[in-house]
Each structure stands twice: as C-alpha cells, then as structure tokens.
Amino acid sequence: MSIVYPDTPDGRYFLAKGRLWRRSDPRLSDEAHAAHVKALMDARRAVKAAKAAGDEDALKRARRAVDAAKRHLGERGPVWWTDGAPDYTRRAPANTPYAAWAERLTAASDPNR
C-alpha cells in the first residue's frame, strides 16, 4: 500500500511529516520523468550499498547522483515555477503562505477539533 500525501492547492508541494516537499516539475514529459525517477531510485540503492560496504568514495558519488536526479526532476535547485514565488521546501506549512490550507487539512482529519 502506498501512502498518498496531500498536494498544496497550487501543486508545487506535497505535505509529509509536517513539512512541505517540492513536487517534480509538471512540464517534464512522462518519459523524462520516468527516466529521472529510475536514476533517483538507482542512486538511492547505491547510497544504501555504499553505506553497507563502508565505502566513503562510493557514498559521495551516490549522493551526488541522488542530487543530480532530484535536480533533473525539479525537486532541488532553481524552482520550476515562473511567478517569482520563493521556495518553501522543508518548511513547516505554519511558517508559509500554506498555513491556512494545512490547518484545514488538520481540522478535517481530526474529528475532535
């Protein structure tokens, strides 16, 4: 079973563990997105293998590959939107313009509120 994380109304972020995380660039073709996700998963497996082997050089290479894949996906680096809005990645929504949206989510999921 996969977990579904709520998207912000503008589709720029999803909310997980109380933080906003930038979504992939929606302008990517399905093929490009799939290729970058595959590269990301391969790189994450390489991180795990390098850690298990205690290979610091391989770990550095694998982490660079993770970063490159996430940049290609638009999840890191320059933002993919063009309206000049800042990046709120890793922030708690309460400290962003998404505060009211997140509060509504919390209220809807808590019947005791």
Protein backbone atom coordinates (compact mmCIF):
# COMPACT_ATOMS: atom_id res chain seq x y z
CA MET A 1 0.00 0.00 0.00
CA SER A 2 1.43 3.37 -0.96
CA ILE A 3 0.92 6.47 1.11
CA VAL A 4 -0.84 9.40 -0.53
CA TYR A 5 0.46 12.79 0.56
CA PRO A 6 -1.71 15.88 0.10
CA ASP A 7 -0.66 18.39 -2.54
CA THR A 8 -0.80 22.12 -1.94
CA PRO A 9 -3.57 23.81 -3.93
CA ASP A 10 -1.04 25.18 -6.42
CA GLY A 11 0.56 21.76 -6.93
CA ARG A 12 4.06 22.93 -6.02
CA TYR A 13 4.48 20.87 -2.85
CA PHE A 14 3.22 17.85 -1.02
CA LEU A 15 2.96 17.61 2.75
CA ALA A 16 4.77 14.81 4.57
CA LYS A 17 5.77 14.53 8.21
CA GLY A 18 4.76 18.12 8.84
CA ARG A 19 6.99 19.60 6.11
CA LEU A 20 6.50 20.84 2.57
CA TRP A 21 8.42 18.99 -0.14
CA ARG A 22 8.74 20.27 -3.70
CA ARG A 23 6.96 18.20 -6.34
CA SER A 24 8.56 17.26 -9.63
CA ASP A 25 8.32 19.74 -12.49
CA PRO A 26 4.96 19.03 -14.16
CA ARG A 27 6.38 20.20 -17.51
CA LEU A 28 8.56 17.07 -17.73
CA SER A 29 7.35 14.53 -20.26
CA ASP A 30 6.22 11.19 -18.85
CA GLU A 31 9.29 9.59 -20.41
CA ALA A 32 11.73 12.13 -18.92
CA HIS A 33 10.05 11.91 -15.52
CA ALA A 34 10.24 8.12 -15.54
CA ALA A 35 13.92 8.17 -16.57
CA HIS A 36 14.83 10.61 -13.79
CA VAL A 37 12.85 8.65 -11.19
CA LYS A 38 14.68 5.49 -12.28
CA ALA A 39 18.02 7.31 -11.93
CA LEU A 40 16.96 8.52 -8.49
CA MET A 41 15.99 5.04 -7.31
CA ASP A 42 19.24 3.59 -8.69
CA ALA A 43 21.19 6.30 -6.88
CA ARG A 44 19.35 5.67 -3.61
CA ARG A 45 20.15 1.97 -3.88
CA ALA A 46 23.79 2.93 -4.48
CA VAL A 47 23.74 5.06 -1.32
CA LYS A 48 22.45 2.09 0.66
CA ALA A 49 25.06 -0.25 -0.82
CA ALA A 50 27.90 2.21 -0.20
CA LYS A 51 26.83 2.65 3.41
CA ALA A 52 26.66 -1.11 3.92
CA ALA A 53 30.12 -1.51 2.39
CA GLY A 54 31.57 1.41 4.33
CA ASP A 55 32.82 2.88 1.04
CA GLU A 56 33.04 6.66 1.54
CA ASP A 57 34.03 7.40 -2.07
CA ALA A 58 31.12 5.39 -3.44
CA LEU A 59 28.83 7.08 -0.94
CA LYS A 60 29.89 10.54 -2.15
CA ARG A 61 29.33 9.52 -5.78
CA ALA A 62 25.94 8.02 -4.96
CA ARG A 63 24.82 11.11 -3.06
CA ARG A 64 25.88 13.30 -5.99
CA ALA A 65 23.79 11.05 -8.25
CA VAL A 66 20.77 11.45 -5.94
CA ASP A 67 21.22 15.22 -6.03
CA ALA A 68 21.56 15.25 -9.83
CA ALA A 69 18.40 13.18 -10.30
CA LYS A 70 16.42 15.38 -7.91
CA ARG A 71 17.64 18.49 -9.76
CA HIS A 72 16.60 16.97 -13.11
CA LEU A 73 13.18 16.28 -11.60
CA GLY A 74 12.93 19.89 -10.42
CA GLU A 75 12.76 18.88 -6.75
CA ARG A 76 16.03 20.71 -5.96
CA GLY A 77 17.85 23.65 -7.43
CA PRO A 78 16.05 26.52 -9.12
CA VAL A 79 12.28 26.40 -8.77
CA TRP A 80 10.30 25.36 -11.82
CA TRP A 81 7.52 27.92 -11.46
CA THR A 82 7.87 31.33 -13.06
CA ASP A 83 5.90 33.74 -10.88
CA GLY A 84 8.80 34.63 -8.59
CA ALA A 85 7.36 32.87 -5.53
CA PRO A 86 10.05 31.63 -3.11
CA ASP A 87 10.80 28.01 -2.34
CA TYR A 88 9.30 26.70 0.90
CA THR A 89 10.77 23.19 0.68
CA ARG A 90 11.38 21.58 4.10
CA ARG A 91 9.43 24.27 5.92
CA ALA A 92 6.54 23.67 8.25
CA PRO A 93 3.43 24.98 6.49
CA ALA A 94 2.56 27.14 9.51
CA ASN A 95 5.53 29.33 8.57
CA THR A 96 4.45 29.77 4.95
CA PRO A 97 1.53 31.05 2.88
CA TYR A 98 0.17 27.47 3.07
CA ALA A 99 -0.66 27.77 6.78
CA ALA A 100 -4.46 28.05 6.36
CA TRP A 101 -4.51 25.16 3.87
CA ALA A 102 -2.55 22.92 6.26
CA GLU A 103 -4.75 23.91 9.19
CA ARG A 104 -7.86 22.92 7.20
CA LEU A 105 -6.25 19.54 6.48
CA THR A 106 -5.51 19.02 10.16
CA ALA A 107 -9.01 20.06 11.17
CA ALA A 108 -10.59 17.76 8.57
CA SER A 109 -8.55 14.76 9.77
CA ASP A 110 -9.19 15.32 13.49
CA PRO A 111 -12.86 14.77 14.43
CA ASN A 112 -12.18 16.10 17.95
CA ARG A 113 -11.40 19.60 16.74
